[in-house]
Amino acid sequence: SRLFALLSGVTEEQFKRRPPATADDPQPWCIAEVLAHLLSHERLWAE
């Protein structure tokens, strides 16, 4: 529920836009990449 509330109102372009790189995170993920990561992780643990 909290995850889907966070996704409310995000445009397709915003889902795919990566934030600028930082020293702490030189290759940041966009929201869609985080969702894909969550999906693959949950599938793995379901298996």
All heavy atoms as atom14 arrays in JSON, in Angstrom:
{
  "sequence": "SRLFALLSGVTEEQFKRRPPATADDPQPWCIAEVLAHLLSHERLWAE",
  "atom14_mask": [
    [1, 1, 1, 1, 1, 1, 0, 0, 0, 0, 0, 0, 0, 0],
    [1, 1, 1, 1, 1, 1, 1, 1, 1, 1, 1, 0, 0, 0],
    [1, 1, 1, 1, 1, 1, 1, 1, 0, 0, 0, 0, 0, 0],
    [1, 1, 1, 1, 1, 1, 1, 1, 1, 1, 1, 0, 0, 0],
    [1, 1, 1, 1, 1, 0, 0, 0, 0, 0, 0, 0, 0, 0],
    [1, 1, 1, 1, 1, 1, 1, 1, 0, 0, 0, 0, 0, 0],
    [1, 1, 1, 1, 1, 1, 1, 1, 0, 0, 0, 0, 0, 0],
    [1, 1, 1, 1, 1, 1, 0, 0, 0, 0, 0, 0, 0, 0],
    [1, 1, 1, 1, 0, 0, 0, 0, 0, 0, 0, 0, 0, 0],
    [1, 1, 1, 1, 1, 1, 1, 0, 0, 0, 0, 0, 0, 0],
    [1, 1, 1, 1, 1, 1, 1, 0, 0, 0, 0, 0, 0, 0],
    [1, 1, 1, 1, 1, 1, 1, 1, 1, 0, 0, 0, 0, 0],
    [1, 1, 1, 1, 1, 1, 1, 1, 1, 0, 0, 0, 0, 0],
    [1, 1, 1, 1, 1, 1, 1, 1, 1, 0, 0, 0, 0, 0],
    [1, 1, 1, 1, 1, 1, 1, 1, 1, 1, 1, 0, 0, 0],
    [1, 1, 1, 1, 1, 1, 1, 1, 1, 0, 0, 0, 0, 0],
    [1, 1, 1, 1, 1, 1, 1, 1, 1, 1, 1, 0, 0, 0],
    [1, 1, 1, 1, 1, 1, 1, 1, 1, 1, 1, 0, 0, 0],
    [1, 1, 1, 1, 1, 1, 1, 0, 0, 0, 0, 0, 0, 0],
    [1, 1, 1, 1, 1, 1, 1, 0, 0, 0, 0, 0, 0, 0],
    [1, 1, 1, 1, 1, 0, 0, 0, 0, 0, 0, 0, 0, 0],
    [1, 1, 1, 1, 1, 1, 1, 0, 0, 0, 0, 0, 0, 0],
    [1, 1, 1, 1, 1, 0, 0, 0, 0, 0, 0, 0, 0, 0],
    [1, 1, 1, 1, 1, 1, 1, 1, 0, 0, 0, 0, 0, 0],
    [1, 1, 1, 1, 1, 1, 1, 1, 0, 0, 0, 0, 0, 0],
    [1, 1, 1, 1, 1, 1, 1, 0, 0, 0, 0, 0, 0, 0],
    [1, 1, 1, 1, 1, 1, 1, 1, 1, 0, 0, 0, 0, 0],
    [1, 1, 1, 1, 1, 1, 1, 0, 0, 0, 0, 0, 0, 0],
    [1, 1, 1, 1, 1, 1, 1, 1, 1, 1, 1, 1, 1, 1],
    [1, 1, 1, 1, 1, 1, 0, 0, 0, 0, 0, 0, 0, 0],
    [1, 1, 1, 1, 1, 1, 1, 1, 0, 0, 0, 0, 0, 0],
    [1, 1, 1, 1, 1, 0, 0, 0, 0, 0, 0, 0, 0, 0],
    [1, 1, 1, 1, 1, 1, 1, 1, 1, 0, 0, 0, 0, 0],
    [1, 1, 1, 1, 1, 1, 1, 0, 0, 0, 0, 0, 0, 0],
    [1, 1, 1, 1, 1, 1, 1, 1, 0, 0, 0, 0, 0, 0],
    [1, 1, 1, 1, 1, 0, 0, 0, 0, 0, 0, 0, 0, 0],
    [1, 1, 1, 1, 1, 1, 1, 1, 1, 1, 0, 0, 0, 0],
    [1, 1, 1, 1, 1, 1, 1, 1, 0, 0, 0, 0, 0, 0],
    [1, 1, 1, 1, 1, 1, 1, 1, 0, 0, 0, 0, 0, 0],
    [1, 1, 1, 1, 1, 1, 0, 0, 0, 0, 0, 0, 0, 0],
    [1, 1, 1, 1, 1, 1, 1, 1, 1, 1, 0, 0, 0, 0],
    [1, 1, 1, 1, 1, 1, 1, 1, 1, 0, 0, 0, 0, 0],
    [1, 1, 1, 1, 1, 1, 1, 1, 1, 1, 1, 0, 0, 0],
    [1, 1, 1, 1, 1, 1, 1, 1, 0, 0, 0, 0, 0, 0],
    [1, 1, 1, 1, 1, 1, 1, 1, 1, 1, 1, 1, 1, 1],
    [1, 1, 1, 1, 1, 0, 0, 0, 0, 0, 0, 0, 0, 0],
    [1, 1, 1, 1, 1, 1, 1, 1, 1, 0, 0, 0, 0, 0]
  ],
  "atom14_positions": [
    [[0.83, -1.21, 0.0], [0.0, 0.0, 0.0], [0.86, 1.26, 0.0], [0.59, 2.21, -0.75], [-0.93, 0.03, 1.22], [-1.85, -1.01, 1.15], [0.0, 0.0, 0.0], [0.0, 0.0, 0.0], [0.0, 0.0, 0.0], [0.0, 0.0, 0.0], [0.0, 0.0, 0.0], [0.0, 0.0, 0.0], [0.0, 0.0, 0.0], [0.0, 0.0, 0.0]],
    [[1.89, 1.27, 0.83], [2.79, 2.45, 0.88], [3.52, 2.62, -0.44], [3.69, 3.74, -0.93], [3.76, 2.31, 2.04], [3.04, 2.46, 3.38], [3.92, 2.54, 4.61], [5.32, 2.26, 4.48], [5.94, 1.25, 5.09], [5.28, 0.42, 5.87], [7.23, 1.08, 4.94], [0.0, 0.0, 0.0], [0.0, 0.0, 0.0], [0.0, 0.0, 0.0]],
    [[3.97, 1.5, -1.04], [4.66, 1.59, -2.32], [3.76, 2.2, -3.39], [4.14, 3.15, -4.08], [5.13, 0.2, -2.76], [5.73, 0.13, -4.17], [7.06, 0.88, -4.23], [5.91, -1.31, -4.6], [0.0, 0.0, 0.0], [0.0, 0.0, 0.0], [0.0, 0.0, 0.0], [0.0, 0.0, 0.0], [0.0, 0.0, 0.0], [0.0, 0.0, 0.0]],
    [[2.55, 1.69, -3.51], [1.66, 2.19, -4.56], [1.21, 3.62, -4.29], [0.98, 4.39, -5.23], [0.49, 1.24, -4.79], [0.93, -0.03, -5.49], [0.51, -1.26, -5.03], [1.77, 0.01, -6.58], [0.93, -2.44, -5.66], [2.2, -1.14, -7.21], [1.78, -2.37, -6.76], [0.0, 0.0, 0.0], [0.0, 0.0, 0.0], [0.0, 0.0, 0.0]],
    [[1.11, 4.02, -3.04], [0.81, 5.41, -2.73], [1.94, 6.32, -3.24], [1.69, 7.4, -3.78], [0.61, 5.6, -1.23], [0.0, 0.0, 0.0], [0.0, 0.0, 0.0], [0.0, 0.0, 0.0], [0.0, 0.0, 0.0], [0.0, 0.0, 0.0], [0.0, 0.0, 0.0], [0.0, 0.0, 0.0], [0.0, 0.0, 0.0], [0.0, 0.0, 0.0]],
    [[3.17, 5.85, -3.11], [4.32, 6.63, -3.6], [4.33, 6.75, -5.12], [4.88, 7.7, -5.66], [5.63, 5.99, -3.14], [6.06, 6.27, -1.73], [7.23, 5.39, -1.34], [6.42, 7.74, -1.56], [0.0, 0.0, 0.0], [0.0, 0.0, 0.0], [0.0, 0.0, 0.0], [0.0, 0.0, 0.0], [0.0, 0.0, 0.0], [0.0, 0.0, 0.0]],
    [[3.76, 5.79, -5.8], [3.77, 5.8, -7.26], [2.67, 6.68, -7.84], [2.72, 7.05, -9.01], [3.63, 4.37, -7.79], [4.71, 3.38, -7.33], [4.46, 2.01, -7.92], [6.1, 3.89, -7.65], [0.0, 0.0, 0.0], [0.0, 0.0, 0.0], [0.0, 0.0, 0.0], [0.0, 0.0, 0.0], [0.0, 0.0, 0.0], [0.0, 0.0, 0.0]],
    [[1.71, 7.03, -7.02], [0.59, 7.84, -7.47], [1.08, 9.2, -7.98], [1.85, 9.88, -7.31], [-0.38, 8.03, -6.3], [-1.41, 8.92, -6.66], [0.0, 0.0, 0.0], [0.0, 0.0, 0.0], [0.0, 0.0, 0.0], [0.0, 0.0, 0.0], [0.0, 0.0, 0.0], [0.0, 0.0, 0.0], [0.0, 0.0, 0.0], [0.0, 0.0, 0.0]],
    [[0.62, 9.56, -9.17], [0.94, 10.87, -9.72], [2.29, 10.98, -10.39], [2.66, 12.06, -10.85], [0.0, 0.0, 0.0], [0.0, 0.0, 0.0], [0.0, 0.0, 0.0], [0.0, 0.0, 0.0], [0.0, 0.0, 0.0], [0.0, 0.0, 0.0], [0.0, 0.0, 0.0], [0.0, 0.0, 0.0], [0.0, 0.0, 0.0], [0.0, 0.0, 0.0]],
    [[3.05, 9.9, -10.48], [4.35, 9.93, -11.15], [4.11, 9.68, -12.64], [3.42, 8.73, -13.01], [5.32, 8.88, -10.56], [6.65, 8.88, -11.31], [5.53, 9.12, -9.07], [0.0, 0.0, 0.0], [0.0, 0.0, 0.0], [0.0, 0.0, 0.0], [0.0, 0.0, 0.0], [0.0, 0.0, 0.0], [0.0, 0.0, 0.0], [0.0, 0.0, 0.0]],
    [[4.68, 10.53, -13.48], [4.51, 10.37, -14.92], [5.46, 9.29, -15.45], [6.44, 8.94, -14.79], [4.8, 11.68, -15.67], [6.2, 11.98, -15.54], [3.95, 12.83, -15.15], [0.0, 0.0, 0.0], [0.0, 0.0, 0.0], [0.0, 0.0, 0.0], [0.0, 0.0, 0.0], [0.0, 0.0, 0.0], [0.0, 0.0, 0.0], [0.0, 0.0, 0.0]],
    [[5.16, 8.81, -16.65], [6.03, 7.81, -17.3], [7.46, 8.34, -17.4], [8.42, 7.63, -17.13], [5.47, 7.47, -18.68], [6.27, 6.43, -19.44], [5.91, 4.99, -19.1], [4.82, 4.74, -18.58], [6.74, 4.11, -19.37], [0.0, 0.0, 0.0], [0.0, 0.0, 0.0], [0.0, 0.0, 0.0], [0.0, 0.0, 0.0], [0.0, 0.0, 0.0]],
    [[7.58, 9.59, -17.79], [8.92, 10.19, -17.93], [9.64, 10.24, -16.59], [10.84, 9.96, -16.5], [8.79, 11.6, -18.55], [10.12, 12.24, -18.92], [10.79, 12.96, -17.76], [10.09, 13.47, -16.87], [12.04, 12.98, -17.72], [0.0, 0.0, 0.0], [0.0, 0.0, 0.0], [0.0, 0.0, 0.0], [0.0, 0.0, 0.0], [0.0, 0.0, 0.0]],
    [[8.92, 10.57, -15.52], [9.53, 10.62, -14.2], [9.92, 9.23, -13.7], [10.93, 9.08, -13.01], [8.58, 11.3, -13.2], [8.41, 12.78, -13.46], [7.24, 13.38, -12.71], [6.27, 12.69, -12.37], [7.31, 14.68, -12.45], [0.0, 0.0, 0.0], [0.0, 0.0, 0.0], [0.0, 0.0, 0.0], [0.0, 0.0, 0.0], [0.0, 0.0, 0.0]],
    [[9.13, 8.22, -14.04], [9.48, 6.84, -13.68], [10.83, 6.44, -14.26], [11.59, 5.71, -13.65], [8.43, 5.85, -14.2], [7.3, 5.58, -13.27], [6.04, 6.12, -13.5], [7.46, 4.77, -12.15], [4.98, 5.85, -12.66], [6.41, 4.51, -11.29], [5.17, 5.05, -11.55], [0.0, 0.0, 0.0], [0.0, 0.0, 0.0], [0.0, 0.0, 0.0]],
    [[11.11, 6.93, -15.47], [12.32, 6.49, -16.2], [13.52, 7.42, -16.01], [14.62, 7.09, -16.41], [12.01, 6.38, -17.7], [10.83, 5.48, -18.04], [11.14, 4.03, -17.79], [9.93, 3.15, -18.07], [10.13, 2.21, -19.11], [0.0, 0.0, 0.0], [0.0, 0.0, 0.0], [0.0, 0.0, 0.0], [0.0, 0.0, 0.0], [0.0, 0.0, 0.0]],
    [[13.31, 8.59, -15.41], [14.4, 9.56, -15.25], [15.28, 9.19, -14.07], [14.82, 9.02, -12.95], [13.85, 10.96, -15.04], [14.95, 12.01, -15.06], [14.51, 13.41, -14.72], [13.25, 13.77, -15.34], [12.39, 14.62, -14.79], [12.64, 15.19, -13.63], [11.25, 14.91, -15.4], [0.0, 0.0, 0.0], [0.0, 0.0, 0.0], [0.0, 0.0, 0.0]],
    [[16.58, 9.1, -14.34], [17.54, 8.85, -13.27], [17.95, 10.18, -12.64], [18.15, 11.16, -13.35], [18.79, 8.16, -13.81], [18.58, 6.72, -14.19], [19.89, 6.1, -14.6], [19.69, 4.73, -14.98], [20.35, 4.14, -15.97], [21.24, 4.81, -16.68], [20.13, 2.88, -16.24], [0.0, 0.0, 0.0], [0.0, 0.0, 0.0], [0.0, 0.0, 0.0]],
    [[18.11, 10.19, -11.33], [18.61, 11.41, -10.7], [20.1, 11.57, -11.01], [20.76, 10.62, -11.45], [18.37, 11.16, -9.22], [18.37, 9.68, -9.08], [17.83, 9.13, -10.38], [0.0, 0.0, 0.0], [0.0, 0.0, 0.0], [0.0, 0.0, 0.0], [0.0, 0.0, 0.0], [0.0, 0.0, 0.0], [0.0, 0.0, 0.0], [0.0, 0.0, 0.0]],
    [[20.65, 12.75, -10.78], [22.08, 12.94, -11.02], [22.93, 12.02, -10.14], [22.56, 11.72, -9.0], [22.32, 14.41, -10.65], [20.98, 15.04, -10.59], [19.99, 13.96, -10.31], [0.0, 0.0, 0.0], [0.0, 0.0, 0.0], [0.0, 0.0, 0.0], [0.0, 0.0, 0.0], [0.0, 0.0, 0.0], [0.0, 0.0, 0.0], [0.0, 0.0, 0.0]],
    [[24.06, 11.61, -10.68], [25.0, 10.78, -9.93], [25.6, 11.6, -8.79], [25.72, 12.82, -8.89], [26.1, 10.27, -10.85], [0.0, 0.0, 0.0], [0.0, 0.0, 0.0], [0.0, 0.0, 0.0], [0.0, 0.0, 0.0], [0.0, 0.0, 0.0], [0.0, 0.0, 0.0], [0.0, 0.0, 0.0], [0.0, 0.0, 0.0], [0.0, 0.0, 0.0]],
    [[25.92, 10.9, -7.71], [26.58, 11.54, -6.57], [27.78, 10.69, -6.17], [27.95, 9.56, -6.67], [25.62, 11.63, -5.35], [25.3, 10.3, -4.93], [24.35, 12.4, -5.7], [0.0, 0.0, 0.0], [0.0, 0.0, 0.0], [0.0, 0.0, 0.0], [0.0, 0.0, 0.0], [0.0, 0.0, 0.0], [0.0, 0.0, 0.0], [0.0, 0.0, 0.0]],
    [[28.58, 11.21, -5.27], [29.73, 10.43, -4.78], [29.25, 9.16, -4.08], [29.86, 8.1, -4.2], [30.58, 11.27, -3.83], [0.0, 0.0, 0.0], [0.0, 0.0, 0.0], [0.0, 0.0, 0.0], [0.0, 0.0, 0.0], [0.0, 0.0, 0.0], [0.0, 0.0, 0.0], [0.0, 0.0, 0.0], [0.0, 0.0, 0.0], [0.0, 0.0, 0.0]],
    [[28.13, 9.26, -3.36], [27.58, 8.09, -2.66], [26.91, 7.11, -3.6], [26.82, 5.92, -3.3], [26.56, 8.53, -1.61], [27.23, 9.24, -0.44], [28.43, 9.0, -0.2], [26.52, 10.01, 0.23], [0.0, 0.0, 0.0], [0.0, 0.0, 0.0], [0.0, 0.0, 0.0], [0.0, 0.0, 0.0], [0.0, 0.0, 0.0], [0.0, 0.0, 0.0]],
    [[26.39, 7.61, -4.72], [25.66, 6.76, -5.67], [26.02, 7.17, -7.09], [25.3, 7.94, -7.73], [24.15, 6.88, -5.43], [23.36, 5.81, -6.17], [23.97, 4.97, -6.88], [22.13, 5.82, -6.04], [0.0, 0.0, 0.0], [0.0, 0.0, 0.0], [0.0, 0.0, 0.0], [0.0, 0.0, 0.0], [0.0, 0.0, 0.0], [0.0, 0.0, 0.0]],
    [[27.14, 6.64, -7.6], [27.6, 7.05, -8.94], [26.73, 6.53, -10.08], [26.8, 7.04, -11.2], [29.02, 6.47, -9.03], [29.06, 5.39, -8.01], [28.07, 5.74, -6.94], [0.0, 0.0, 0.0], [0.0, 0.0, 0.0], [0.0, 0.0, 0.0], [0.0, 0.0, 0.0], [0.0, 0.0, 0.0], [0.0, 0.0, 0.0], [0.0, 0.0, 0.0]],
    [[25.91, 5.52, -9.84], [25.01, 4.98, -10.87], [23.61, 4.81, -10.29], [23.14, 3.69, -10.07], [25.53, 3.65, -11.4], [26.84, 3.77, -12.15], [27.25, 2.45, -12.75], [27.25, 1.43, -12.07], [27.59, 2.48, -14.01], [0.0, 0.0, 0.0], [0.0, 0.0, 0.0], [0.0, 0.0, 0.0], [0.0, 0.0, 0.0], [0.0, 0.0, 0.0]],
    [[22.92, 5.93, -10.03], [21.6, 5.83, -9.4], [20.58, 5.19, -10.31], [20.67, 5.28, -11.53], [21.23, 7.28, -9.11], [22.0, 8.07, -10.11], [23.27, 7.3, -10.36], [0.0, 0.0, 0.0], [0.0, 0.0, 0.0], [0.0, 0.0, 0.0], [0.0, 0.0, 0.0], [0.0, 0.0, 0.0], [0.0, 0.0, 0.0], [0.0, 0.0, 0.0]],
    [[19.61, 4.53, -9.69], [18.51, 3.92, -10.41], [17.36, 4.91, -10.51], [17.16, 5.74, -9.62], [18.02, 2.69, -9.69], [18.91, 1.49, -9.77], [20.01, 1.32, -10.54], [18.75, 0.27, -9.04], [20.55, 0.08, -10.34], [19.79, -0.59, -9.43], [17.83, -0.17, -8.11], [19.93, -1.86, -8.9], [17.97, -1.44, -7.58], [19.02, -2.28, -7.99]],
    [[16.56, 4.75, -11.53], [15.3, 5.49, -11.62], [14.22, 4.67, -10.9], [14.46, 3.52, -10.49], [14.93, 5.72, -13.09], [14.58, 4.23, -14.03], [0.0, 0.0, 0.0], [0.0, 0.0, 0.0], [0.0, 0.0, 0.0], [0.0, 0.0, 0.0], [0.0, 0.0, 0.0], [0.0, 0.0, 0.0], [0.0, 0.0, 0.0], [0.0, 0.0, 0.0]],
    [[13.05, 5.25, -10.74], [11.96, 4.55, -10.04], [11.62, 3.23, -10.74], [11.42, 2.21, -10.09], [10.72, 5.45, -9.92], [11.01, 6.64, -9.01], [9.52, 4.65, -9.38], [9.91, 7.7, -8.99], [0.0, 0.0, 0.0], [0.0, 0.0, 0.0], [0.0, 0.0, 0.0], [0.0, 0.0, 0.0], [0.0, 0.0, 0.0], [0.0, 0.0, 0.0]],
    [[11.58, 3.24, -12.06], [11.25, 2.01, -12.8], [12.29, 0.92, -12.54], [11.93, -0.27, -12.46], [11.14, 2.3, -14.29], [0.0, 0.0, 0.0], [0.0, 0.0, 0.0], [0.0, 0.0, 0.0], [0.0, 0.0, 0.0], [0.0, 0.0, 0.0], [0.0, 0.0, 0.0], [0.0, 0.0, 0.0], [0.0, 0.0, 0.0], [0.0, 0.0, 0.0]],
    [[13.54, 1.3, -12.4], [14.58, 0.3, -12.11], [14.4, -0.28, -10.71], [14.6, -1.48, -10.5], [15.97, 0.92, -12.27], [16.32, 1.15, -13.73], [17.56, 2.0, -13.92], [17.69, 3.05, -13.24], [18.39, 1.62, -14.76], [0.0, 0.0, 0.0], [0.0, 0.0, 0.0], [0.0, 0.0, 0.0], [0.0, 0.0, 0.0], [0.0, 0.0, 0.0]],
    [[14.03, 0.57, -9.76], [13.77, 0.07, -8.4], [12.59, -0.91, -8.43], [12.64, -1.97, -7.81], [13.51, 1.23, -7.41], [13.14, 0.69, -6.03], [14.73, 2.14, -7.32], [0.0, 0.0, 0.0], [0.0, 0.0, 0.0], [0.0, 0.0, 0.0], [0.0, 0.0, 0.0], [0.0, 0.0, 0.0], [0.0, 0.0, 0.0], [0.0, 0.0, 0.0]],
    [[11.54, -0.56, -9.19], [10.39, -1.47, -9.29], [10.78, -2.8, -9.93], [10.36, -3.86, -9.47], [9.26, -0.81, -10.09], [8.64, 0.44, -9.48], [7.56, 1.0, -10.41], [8.1, 0.18, -8.09], [0.0, 0.0, 0.0], [0.0, 0.0, 0.0], [0.0, 0.0, 0.0], [0.0, 0.0, 0.0], [0.0, 0.0, 0.0], [0.0, 0.0, 0.0]],
    [[11.59, -2.75, -10.98], [12.04, -3.99, -11.62], [12.88, -4.82, -10.66], [12.78, -6.05, -10.63], [12.83, -3.66, -12.89], [0.0, 0.0, 0.0], [0.0, 0.0, 0.0], [0.0, 0.0, 0.0], [0.0, 0.0, 0.0], [0.0, 0.0, 0.0], [0.0, 0.0, 0.0], [0.0, 0.0, 0.0], [0.0, 0.0, 0.0], [0.0, 0.0, 0.0]],
    [[13.7, -4.15, -9.86], [14.51, -4.84, -8.86], [13.61, -5.51, -7.82], [13.81, -6.68, -7.48], [15.46, -3.83, -8.19], [16.14, -4.36, -6.98], [17.14, -5.31, -7.04], [15.95, -4.08, -5.67], [17.54, -5.59, -5.81], [16.83, -4.85, -4.96], [0.0, 0.0, 0.0], [0.0, 0.0, 0.0], [0.0, 0.0, 0.0], [0.0, 0.0, 0.0]],
    [[12.61, -4.78, -7.33], [11.67, -5.36, -6.36], [10.95, -6.57, -6.95], [10.77, -7.59, -6.29], [10.65, -4.31, -5.91], [11.17, -3.24, -4.95], [10.12, -2.14, -4.78], [11.55, -3.84, -3.61], [0.0, 0.0, 0.0], [0.0, 0.0, 0.0], [0.0, 0.0, 0.0], [0.0, 0.0, 0.0], [0.0, 0.0, 0.0], [0.0, 0.0, 0.0]],
    [[10.54, -6.44, -8.2], [9.83, -7.53, -8.88], [10.71, -8.77, -9.0], [10.29, -9.87, -8.65], [9.35, -7.06, -10.26], [8.65, -8.08, -11.14], [7.42, -8.66, -10.46], [8.26, -7.43, -12.47], [0.0, 0.0, 0.0], [0.0, 0.0, 0.0], [0.0, 0.0, 0.0], [0.0, 0.0, 0.0], [0.0, 0.0, 0.0], [0.0, 0.0, 0.0]],
    [[11.94, -8.61, -9.46], [12.81, -9.78, -9.64], [13.17, -10.39, -8.29], [13.24, -11.62, -8.15], [14.06, -9.43, -10.44], [14.89, -8.54, -9.75], [0.0, 0.0, 0.0], [0.0, 0.0, 0.0], [0.0, 0.0, 0.0], [0.0, 0.0, 0.0], [0.0, 0.0, 0.0], [0.0, 0.0, 0.0], [0.0, 0.0, 0.0], [0.0, 0.0, 0.0]],
    [[13.38, -9.55, -7.29], [13.72, -10.05, -5.95], [12.55, -10.86, -5.36], [12.75, -11.95, -4.82], [14.05, -8.86, -5.04], [14.45, -9.25, -3.66], [13.54, -9.39, -2.64], [15.66, -9.53, -3.13], [14.16, -9.74, -1.55], [15.46, -9.83, -1.8], [0.0, 0.0, 0.0], [0.0, 0.0, 0.0], [0.0, 0.0, 0.0], [0.0, 0.0, 0.0]],
    [[11.35, -10.33, -5.5], [10.19, -11.03, -4.93], [9.92, -12.33, -5.7], [9.55, -13.34, -5.09], [8.96, -10.12, -4.93], [7.87, -10.63, -4.03], [6.93, -9.55, -3.52], [7.3, -8.36, -3.51], [5.81, -9.92, -3.15], [0.0, 0.0, 0.0], [0.0, 0.0, 0.0], [0.0, 0.0, 0.0], [0.0, 0.0, 0.0], [0.0, 0.0, 0.0]],
    [[10.11, -12.32, -7.01], [9.96, -13.57, -7.78], [10.96, -14.61, -7.32], [10.63, -15.79, -7.18], [10.15, -13.29, -9.27], [8.95, -12.72, -9.94], [9.2, -12.54, -11.42], [8.01, -12.0, -12.08], [8.03, -11.3, -13.18], [9.18, -11.05, -13.8], [6.91, -10.86, -13.7], [0.0, 0.0, 0.0], [0.0, 0.0, 0.0], [0.0, 0.0, 0.0]],
    [[12.2, -14.19, -7.11], [13.25, -15.11, -6.66], [12.86, -15.75, -5.32], [12.94, -16.97, -5.16], [14.58, -14.36, -6.52], [15.73, -15.14, -5.9], [16.18, -16.27, -6.82], [16.89, -14.2, -5.58], [0.0, 0.0, 0.0], [0.0, 0.0, 0.0], [0.0, 0.0, 0.0], [0.0, 0.0, 0.0], [0.0, 0.0, 0.0], [0.0, 0.0, 0.0]],
    [[12.4, -14.93, -4.36], [12.05, -15.48, -3.06], [10.77, -16.3, -3.11], [10.63, -17.28, -2.36], [12.02, -14.39, -1.99], [13.44, -14.09, -1.61], [14.21, -13.04, -2.02], [14.29, -14.92, -0.82], [15.48, -13.16, -1.52], [15.57, -14.3, -0.77], [14.12, -16.11, -0.14], [16.65, -14.84, -0.08], [15.2, -16.65, 0.56], [16.44, -16.02, 0.58]],
    [[9.86, -15.96, -4.01], [8.66, -16.81, -4.17], [9.08, -18.2, -4.66], [8.58, -19.22, -4.16], [7.68, -16.17, -5.15], [0.0, 0.0, 0.0], [0.0, 0.0, 0.0], [0.0, 0.0, 0.0], [0.0, 0.0, 0.0], [0.0, 0.0, 0.0], [0.0, 0.0, 0.0], [0.0, 0.0, 0.0], [0.0, 0.0, 0.0], [0.0, 0.0, 0.0]],
    [[10.03, -18.25, -5.61], [10.53, -19.54, -6.09], [11.2, -20.31, -4.96], [11.03, -21.53, -4.83], [11.53, -19.32, -7.23], [10.93, -18.8, -8.51], [11.99, -18.36, -9.51], [13.19, -18.69, -9.35], [11.62, -17.66, -10.47], [0.0, 0.0, 0.0], [0.0, 0.0, 0.0], [0.0, 0.0, 0.0], [0.0, 0.0, 0.0], [0.0, 0.0, 0.0]]
  ]
}
